[in-house]
Structures are given as structure tokens and as C-alpha cells.
Amino acid sequence: VYNGIDLTLTTRFAQRGQFSGGLSVGRTVYDACDVIAKVPEALQGTDTITQSAGGASSWTSSRNCRNVRPWSAGTQIKFLVVYPLPWDLQTSATFQNIPGIPKTATNPTSNAVVRTSLGRDLAACRGAATCNANMNLELLDPTSTFESRLNQLDLRLTKRVRVGGVTLRGNFDIYNMLNGASILSMNAGYGSNWLVPYEIMGGRLLKFSGQVEF
């Protein structure tokens, strides 16, 4: 269930400038508690692990049946500004502020550990005398912890030149003006490399380009 509101504004200012952007605020609730209560094996395949004294390698069938994302995780701000300058110059800027990715912790747990809490072998064992099956357990609520928000500002300066019936455009762009390094993906496997980034936002980039219109 999603509840939220979107605000969008498009306007002109200072006679020649243009602004377009908005704010989106919302929250999503994922609730499967009724399903889990009737079909508990739906949460973890065909196996349901109850809470044990160990804690770290245990799971409850209702622990994450209701996930409520915070309002901040559903809030975005985006806008675009365009303003023409003298001598056929035009400048523009785009900005976005979006939520960071959630932090998760996946723990591969052996059948030997699971059996002490579950009271039986994993279904993947299929009655084998020796079973080496593993099960991935989520140690963190995926709606509880997030990376820092991503802020990105891009700028462009355009020069237009008319030659006969041909229009030439030269562009100078600066991507990621703030030189942010927000994390886009990371290692969720719990261990020595937990939360090591796989991908971060590209650094500040300067770009020259051209366009011919005829």
C-alpha cells in the first residue's frame, strides 16, 4: 500500500527563464502477515525458523511480514532550470535529491545451524543422511537502515551560432558538479566484506559536444 503526495511546478521567470520540478513524498507498506500466518513456509521457501538463543542465525516467521519504509525513503526532489543569456548563450541546471539504497545483511546459514532451531533438516536436504545445504537469512530489516541520500547537480552552457540555413550548437557540460560519491550498490553478504561498495556515483565529469541543425 502506497500513500503519498506529488507536487509539481512549471513556470517562467524573469521573462525568459524556465523552471520545472517538484517534490514527491510517500511511504510504502508491505504487509504479508495474514499470508504468513496461514502459510508460514511462504516466508522462507518451505522452511520456517523460530527465534533461538543464538540470535544472529535465527529467524522468526513474522519478523518481517510487515515492512514499513520510512517517509524519508520515499521522498524525492528534482528540478530543472533553463535561462538564456546574451550572445545566444543558454545555461541550464538539473538537480536531484533521492533516497540512498537500503542496507541489508544476508547470512548464509548451514543446515546444521538451522536444524537446531527448526527441529528438522532443510527441505533441500530431501532426507539425505548428510546434508550440506545452506539457507540465506536476512539479519536486518530492509526498511530500517539506508545509505546517505544522493545529491546530484548537472550544469550545461550552450552557445548557438547561425551560418546561413545551418545552426551550430556547442555544449559544455559538468556532470556531478558537487563531486558526490554516493553508494549505488554494495556487498550485502554478512562477513569481512560486508557493506563494501560495488558501485559508486561517477565523479565530476567535464564534457564538450556539438550539434548541427539544418
C-alpha atoms as a PDB file:
ATOM      1  CA  VAL A   1       0.000   0.000   0.000  1.00  0.00           C
ATOM      2  CA  TYR A   2       1.424   3.348  -1.062  1.00  0.00           C
ATOM      3  CA  ASN A   3       0.386   6.677   0.437  1.00  0.00           C
ATOM      4  CA  GLY A   4       1.933   9.900  -0.736  1.00  0.00           C
ATOM      5  CA  ILE A   5       1.658  13.222  -2.487  1.00  0.00           C
ATOM      6  CA  ASP A   6       3.370  14.714  -5.534  1.00  0.00           C
ATOM      7  CA  LEU A   7       3.862  18.447  -6.075  1.00  0.00           C
ATOM      8  CA  THR A   8       4.957  19.695  -9.497  1.00  0.00           C
ATOM      9  CA  LEU A   9       5.628  23.237 -10.655  1.00  0.00           C
ATOM     10  CA  THR A  10       6.336  24.520 -14.157  1.00  0.00           C
ATOM     11  CA  THR A  11       6.781  28.243 -14.587  1.00  0.00           C
ATOM     12  CA  ARG A  12       8.610  31.057 -16.362  1.00  0.00           C
ATOM     13  CA  PHE A  13      10.562  33.747 -14.555  1.00  0.00           C
ATOM     14  CA  ALA A  14      12.495  36.908 -15.425  1.00  0.00           C
ATOM     15  CA  GLN A  15      10.679  36.910 -18.784  1.00  0.00           C
ATOM     16  CA  ARG A  16      12.932  34.284 -20.387  1.00  0.00           C
ATOM     17  CA  GLY A  17      13.810  31.757 -17.706  1.00  0.00           C
ATOM     18  CA  GLN A  18      12.063  28.410 -17.206  1.00  0.00           C
ATOM     19  CA  PHE A  19      11.718  26.240 -14.133  1.00  0.00           C
ATOM     20  CA  SER A  20      10.246  22.752 -13.885  1.00  0.00           C
ATOM     21  CA  GLY A  21      10.439  20.411 -10.938  1.00  0.00           C
ATOM     22  CA  GLY A  22       8.731  19.055  -7.904  1.00  0.00           C
ATOM     23  CA  LEU A  23       8.644  17.158  -4.676  1.00  0.00           C
ATOM     24  CA  SER A  24       7.419  13.614  -4.137  1.00  0.00           C
ATOM     25  CA  VAL A  25       6.735  12.397  -0.595  1.00  0.00           C
ATOM     26  CA  GLY A  26       5.360   8.955   0.099  1.00  0.00           C
ATOM     27  CA  ARG A  27       5.609   5.724   2.039  1.00  0.00           C
ATOM     28  CA  THR A  28       5.064   2.116   1.005  1.00  0.00           C
ATOM     29  CA  VAL A  29       3.867  -0.570   3.422  1.00  0.00           C
ATOM     30  CA  TYR A  30       4.378  -4.233   2.519  1.00  0.00           C
ATOM     31  CA  ASP A  31       2.128  -6.378   4.702  1.00  0.00           C
ATOM     32  CA  ALA A  32       2.008 -10.147   4.261  1.00  0.00           C
ATOM     33  CA  CYS A  33       1.233 -11.065   7.872  1.00  0.00           C
ATOM     34  CA  ASP A  34      -2.126 -12.642   7.044  1.00  0.00           C
ATOM     35  CA  VAL A  35      -0.476 -14.826   4.404  1.00  0.00           C
ATOM     36  CA  ILE A  36       2.422 -15.822   6.671  1.00  0.00           C
ATOM     37  CA  ALA A  37       0.031 -16.699   9.498  1.00  0.00           C
ATOM     38  CA  LYS A  38      -1.788 -19.155   7.244  1.00  0.00           C
ATOM     39  CA  VAL A  39       1.165 -20.317   5.149  1.00  0.00           C
ATOM     40  CA  PRO A  40       4.310 -19.753   7.270  1.00  0.00           C
ATOM     41  CA  GLU A  41       6.567 -21.595   4.825  1.00  0.00           C
ATOM     42  CA  ALA A  42       5.922 -18.845   2.270  1.00  0.00           C
ATOM     43  CA  LEU A  43       8.378 -16.568   4.079  1.00  0.00           C
ATOM     44  CA  GLN A  44      11.440 -18.781   3.644  1.00  0.00           C
ATOM     45  CA  GLY A  45      10.527 -21.268   0.950  1.00  0.00           C
ATOM     46  CA  THR A  46       9.462 -24.450   2.726  1.00  0.00           C
ATOM     47  CA  ASP A  47      11.243 -23.740   5.994  1.00  0.00           C
ATOM     48  CA  THR A  48      10.324 -21.578   8.955  1.00  0.00           C
ATOM     49  CA  ILE A  49      12.951 -20.892  11.605  1.00  0.00           C
ATOM     50  CA  THR A  50      11.951 -19.807  15.096  1.00  0.00           C
ATOM     51  CA  GLN A  51      13.945 -17.500  17.336  1.00  0.00           C
ATOM     52  CA  SER A  52      16.792 -19.253  19.152  1.00  0.00           C
ATOM     53  CA  ALA A  53      19.136 -18.153  21.907  1.00  0.00           C
ATOM     54  CA  GLY A  54      21.903 -17.563  19.349  1.00  0.00           C
ATOM     55  CA  GLY A  55      20.027 -14.655  17.811  1.00  0.00           C
ATOM     56  CA  ALA A  56      22.361 -13.919  14.900  1.00  0.00           C
ATOM     57  CA  SER A  57      21.496 -17.059  12.926  1.00  0.00           C
ATOM     58  CA  SER A  58      17.815 -17.228  13.807  1.00  0.00           C
ATOM     59  CA  TRP A  59      14.646 -16.112  12.086  1.00  0.00           C
ATOM     60  CA  THR A  60      11.009 -15.700  13.046  1.00  0.00           C
ATOM     61  CA  SER A  61       8.196 -16.325  10.623  1.00  0.00           C
ATOM     62  CA  SER A  62       6.544 -12.996  11.419  1.00  0.00           C
ATOM     63  CA  ARG A  63       9.655 -10.868  11.872  1.00  0.00           C
ATOM     64  CA  ASN A  64       9.459  -9.125   8.521  1.00  0.00           C
ATOM     65  CA  CYS A  65       5.931  -9.923   7.437  1.00  0.00           C
ATOM     66  CA  ARG A  66       5.137  -6.197   7.718  1.00  0.00           C
ATOM     67  CA  ASN A  67       7.712  -3.807   6.288  1.00  0.00           C
ATOM     68  CA  VAL A  68       7.099  -0.087   6.651  1.00  0.00           C
ATOM     69  CA  ARG A  69       9.513   2.121   4.749  1.00  0.00           C
ATOM     70  CA  PRO A  70      10.197   5.495   6.412  1.00  0.00           C
ATOM     71  CA  TRP A  71       8.864   8.652   4.795  1.00  0.00           C
ATOM     72  CA  SER A  72      12.413   9.762   4.021  1.00  0.00           C
ATOM     73  CA  ALA A  73      12.939   6.668   1.848  1.00  0.00           C
ATOM     74  CA  GLY A  74      10.069   7.775  -0.366  1.00  0.00           C
ATOM     75  CA  THR A  75      10.961  11.458  -0.638  1.00  0.00           C
ATOM     76  CA  GLN A  76      12.498  12.848  -3.821  1.00  0.00           C
ATOM     77  CA  ILE A  77      13.287  16.360  -5.032  1.00  0.00           C
ATOM     78  CA  LYS A  78      14.045  17.027  -8.702  1.00  0.00           C
ATOM     79  CA  PHE A  79      14.104  20.213 -10.753  1.00  0.00           C
ATOM     80  CA  LEU A  80      15.367  21.758 -13.983  1.00  0.00           C
ATOM     81  CA  VAL A  81      16.231  25.418 -14.619  1.00  0.00           C
ATOM     82  CA  VAL A  82      16.905  26.928 -18.057  1.00  0.00           C
ATOM     83  CA  TYR A  83      17.907  30.544 -18.617  1.00  0.00           C
ATOM     84  CA  PRO A  84      19.036  32.233 -21.847  1.00  0.00           C
ATOM     85  CA  LEU A  85      21.965  34.665 -21.760  1.00  0.00           C
ATOM     86  CA  PRO A  86      23.147  37.365 -24.172  1.00  0.00           C
ATOM     87  CA  TRP A  87      25.105  36.460 -27.330  1.00  0.00           C
ATOM     88  CA  ASP A  88      22.960  33.360 -27.981  1.00  0.00           C
ATOM     89  CA  LEU A  89      24.209  31.639 -24.841  1.00  0.00           C
ATOM     90  CA  GLN A  90      21.956  29.442 -22.757  1.00  0.00           C
ATOM     91  CA  THR A  91      22.606  27.912 -19.362  1.00  0.00           C
ATOM     92  CA  SER A  92      20.728  25.120 -17.638  1.00  0.00           C
ATOM     93  CA  ALA A  93      20.952  23.107 -14.448  1.00  0.00           C
ATOM     94  CA  THR A  94      19.346  19.900 -13.206  1.00  0.00           C
ATOM     95  CA  PHE A  95      19.316  18.761  -9.598  1.00  0.00           C
ATOM     96  CA  GLN A  96      18.053  15.657  -7.861  1.00  0.00           C
ATOM     97  CA  ASN A  97      17.943  14.555  -4.249  1.00  0.00           C
ATOM     98  CA  ILE A  98      16.852  10.938  -3.898  1.00  0.00           C
ATOM     99  CA  PRO A  99      16.961   8.308  -1.120  1.00  0.00           C
ATOM    100  CA  GLY A 100      20.011   6.168  -0.547  1.00  0.00           C
ATOM    101  CA  ILE A 101      19.910   2.418  -1.063  1.00  0.00           C
ATOM    102  CA  PRO A 102      18.858   0.189   1.865  1.00  0.00           C
ATOM    103  CA  LYS A 103      21.480  -1.612   3.927  1.00  0.00           C
ATOM    104  CA  THR A 104      20.912  -5.348   4.231  1.00  0.00           C
ATOM    105  CA  ALA A 105      22.835  -8.234   5.779  1.00  0.00           C
ATOM    106  CA  THR A 106      22.482 -11.705   4.273  1.00  0.00           C
ATOM    107  CA  ASN A 107      23.921 -14.559   6.323  1.00  0.00           C
ATOM    108  CA  PRO A 108      24.384 -17.957   4.610  1.00  0.00           C
ATOM    109  CA  THR A 109      23.488 -20.436   7.364  1.00  0.00           C
ATOM    110  CA  SER A 110      24.252 -24.142   7.221  1.00  0.00           C
ATOM    111  CA  ASN A 111      21.696 -26.880   7.717  1.00  0.00           C
ATOM    112  CA  ALA A 112      23.422 -27.889  10.951  1.00  0.00           C
ATOM    113  CA  VAL A 113      22.687 -24.473  12.472  1.00  0.00           C
ATOM    114  CA  VAL A 114      19.179 -24.270  11.054  1.00  0.00           C
ATOM    115  CA  ARG A 115      18.254 -27.733  12.368  1.00  0.00           C
ATOM    116  CA  THR A 116      18.850 -26.718  15.999  1.00  0.00           C
ATOM    117  CA  SER A 117      16.117 -24.062  15.693  1.00  0.00           C
ATOM    118  CA  LEU A 118      13.856 -25.564  13.055  1.00  0.00           C
ATOM    119  CA  GLY A 119      13.768 -29.012  14.601  1.00  0.00           C
ATOM    120  CA  ARG A 120      14.380 -30.735  11.253  1.00  0.00           C
ATOM    121  CA  ASP A 121      16.587 -30.556   8.194  1.00  0.00           C
ATOM    122  CA  LEU A 122      16.033 -28.064   5.418  1.00  0.00           C
ATOM    123  CA  ALA A 123      13.681 -29.196   2.678  1.00  0.00           C
ATOM    124  CA  ALA A 124      16.605 -29.042   0.233  1.00  0.00           C
ATOM    125  CA  CYS A 125      18.198 -31.965   2.043  1.00  0.00           C
ATOM    126  CA  ARG A 126      15.440 -34.295   0.780  1.00  0.00           C
ATOM    127  CA  GLY A 127      16.079 -36.828   3.516  1.00  0.00           C
ATOM    128  CA  ALA A 128      19.803 -37.247   2.792  1.00  0.00           C
ATOM    129  CA  ALA A 129      21.894 -38.744   5.587  1.00  0.00           C
ATOM    130  CA  THR A 130      24.468 -35.965   5.179  1.00  0.00           C
ATOM    131  CA  CYS A 131      23.234 -32.560   4.085  1.00  0.00           C
ATOM    132  CA  ASN A 132      25.385 -29.579   3.156  1.00  0.00           C
ATOM    133  CA  ALA A 133      22.515 -27.287   2.156  1.00  0.00           C
ATOM    134  CA  ASN A 134      22.603 -23.643   3.196  1.00  0.00           C
ATOM    135  CA  MET A 135      19.928 -21.037   3.687  1.00  0.00           C
ATOM    136  CA  ASN A 136      20.335 -17.265   3.306  1.00  0.00           C
ATOM    137  CA  LEU A 137      18.911 -15.378   6.280  1.00  0.00           C
ATOM    138  CA  GLU A 138      18.311 -11.634   6.375  1.00  0.00           C
ATOM    139  CA  LEU A 139      19.718 -10.234   9.626  1.00  0.00           C
ATOM    140  CA  LEU A 140      18.453  -6.680   9.125  1.00  0.00           C
ATOM    141  CA  ASP A 141      15.032  -5.316   8.395  1.00  0.00           C
ATOM    142  CA  PRO A 142      15.472  -3.962   4.835  1.00  0.00           C
ATOM    143  CA  THR A 143      13.385  -0.913   5.744  1.00  0.00           C
ATOM    144  CA  SER A 144      15.372   0.123   8.814  1.00  0.00           C
ATOM    145  CA  THR A 145      18.759   1.413   7.618  1.00  0.00           C
ATOM    146  CA  PHE A 146      19.701   3.335   4.477  1.00  0.00           C
ATOM    147  CA  GLU A 147      22.769   4.888   2.914  1.00  0.00           C
ATOM    148  CA  SER A 148      23.092   8.679   2.765  1.00  0.00           C
ATOM    149  CA  ARG A 149      20.857  10.444   0.274  1.00  0.00           C
ATOM    150  CA  LEU A 150      22.139  11.019  -3.255  1.00  0.00           C
ATOM    151  CA  ASN A 151      22.587  14.618  -4.374  1.00  0.00           C
ATOM    152  CA  GLN A 152      23.495  15.341  -7.979  1.00  0.00           C
ATOM    153  CA  LEU A 153      23.827  18.675  -9.764  1.00  0.00           C
ATOM    154  CA  ASP A 154      24.497  18.868 -13.517  1.00  0.00           C
ATOM    155  CA  LEU A 155      25.211  22.110 -15.410  1.00  0.00           C
ATOM    156  CA  ARG A 156      25.245  22.950 -19.119  1.00  0.00           C
ATOM    157  CA  LEU A 157      26.319  26.019 -21.103  1.00  0.00           C
ATOM    158  CA  THR A 158      25.254  26.183 -24.765  1.00  0.00           C
ATOM    159  CA  LYS A 159      26.384  28.567 -27.499  1.00  0.00           C
ATOM    160  CA  ARG A 160      24.333  28.825 -30.682  1.00  0.00           C
ATOM    161  CA  VAL A 161      25.713  30.110 -33.996  1.00  0.00           C
ATOM    162  CA  ARG A 162      23.700  30.530 -37.223  1.00  0.00           C
ATOM    163  CA  VAL A 163      25.510  30.134 -40.531  1.00  0.00           C
ATOM    164  CA  GLY A 164      23.129  30.533 -43.464  1.00  0.00           C
ATOM    165  CA  GLY A 165      20.417  27.928 -43.013  1.00  0.00           C
ATOM    166  CA  VAL A 166      22.539  25.900 -40.593  1.00  0.00           C
ATOM    167  CA  THR A 167      22.538  26.227 -36.816  1.00  0.00           C
ATOM    168  CA  LEU A 168      25.598  25.118 -34.864  1.00  0.00           C
ATOM    169  CA  ARG A 169      25.396  24.382 -31.136  1.00  0.00           C
ATOM    170  CA  GLY A 170      28.367  23.957 -28.882  1.00  0.00           C
ATOM    171  CA  ASN A 171      27.788  22.465 -25.417  1.00  0.00           C
ATOM    172  CA  PHE A 172      29.887  22.439 -22.277  1.00  0.00           C
ATOM    173  CA  ASP A 173      28.580  20.092 -19.568  1.00  0.00           C
ATOM    174  CA  ILE A 174      29.602  19.483 -15.988  1.00  0.00           C
ATOM    175  CA  TYR A 175      28.155  16.287 -14.577  1.00  0.00           C
ATOM    176  CA  ASN A 176      28.058  15.714 -10.829  1.00  0.00           C
ATOM    177  CA  MET A 177      29.148  19.265 -10.093  1.00  0.00           C
ATOM    178  CA  LEU A 178      29.162  18.529  -6.345  1.00  0.00           C
ATOM    179  CA  ASN A 179      31.504  15.567  -6.947  1.00  0.00           C
ATOM    180  CA  GLY A 180      29.370  13.327  -4.749  1.00  0.00           C
ATOM    181  CA  ALA A 181      30.300   9.683  -4.244  1.00  0.00           C
ATOM    182  CA  SER A 182      27.023   8.123  -3.139  1.00  0.00           C
ATOM    183  CA  ILE A 183      26.968   4.324  -2.999  1.00  0.00           C
ATOM    184  CA  LEU A 184      24.770   2.742  -5.687  1.00  0.00           C
ATOM    185  CA  SER A 185      25.303  -0.924  -4.771  1.00  0.00           C
ATOM    186  CA  MET A 186      27.198  -2.837  -2.101  1.00  0.00           C
ATOM    187  CA  ASN A 187      28.011  -6.290  -0.784  1.00  0.00           C
ATOM    188  CA  ALA A 188      25.110  -7.474   1.387  1.00  0.00           C
ATOM    189  CA  GLY A 189      26.769 -10.734   2.463  1.00  0.00           C
ATOM    190  CA  TYR A 190      27.458 -10.578   6.192  1.00  0.00           C
ATOM    191  CA  GLY A 191      31.177 -11.088   6.823  1.00  0.00           C
ATOM    192  CA  SER A 192      34.540  -9.389   6.380  1.00  0.00           C
ATOM    193  CA  ASN A 193      33.430  -7.680   3.145  1.00  0.00           C
ATOM    194  CA  TRP A 194      30.007  -6.642   4.389  1.00  0.00           C
ATOM    195  CA  LEU A 195      28.897  -3.253   3.007  1.00  0.00           C
ATOM    196  CA  VAL A 196      31.945  -2.977   0.734  1.00  0.00           C
ATOM    197  CA  PRO A 197      30.732  -0.839  -2.217  1.00  0.00           C
ATOM    198  CA  TYR A 198      30.366  -2.447  -5.627  1.00  0.00           C
ATOM    199  CA  GLU A 199      29.422   0.748  -7.427  1.00  0.00           C
ATOM    200  CA  ILE A 200      29.524   4.442  -6.534  1.00  0.00           C
ATOM    201  CA  MET A 201      28.333   7.506  -8.376  1.00  0.00           C
ATOM    202  CA  GLY A 202      30.779   8.683 -11.028  1.00  0.00           C
ATOM    203  CA  GLY A 203      32.991  11.631 -10.111  1.00  0.00           C
ATOM    204  CA  ARG A 204      32.797  15.133 -11.558  1.00  0.00           C
ATOM    205  CA  LEU A 205      32.965  14.982 -15.365  1.00  0.00           C
ATOM    206  CA  LEU A 206      33.560  17.737 -17.927  1.00  0.00           C
ATOM    207  CA  LYS A 207      32.248  17.194 -21.453  1.00  0.00           C
ATOM    208  CA  PHE A 208      32.364  19.159 -24.708  1.00  0.00           C
ATOM    209  CA  SER A 209      29.944  18.337 -27.508  1.00  0.00           C
ATOM    210  CA  GLY A 210      28.453  19.845 -30.638  1.00  0.00           C
ATOM    211  CA  GLN A 211      25.291  19.668 -32.696  1.00  0.00           C
ATOM    212  CA  VAL A 212      24.447  20.638 -36.272  1.00  0.00           C
ATOM    213  CA  GLU A 213      20.876  21.511 -37.287  1.00  0.00           C
ATOM    214  CA  PHE A 214      19.844  22.050 -40.921  1.00  0.00           C
END
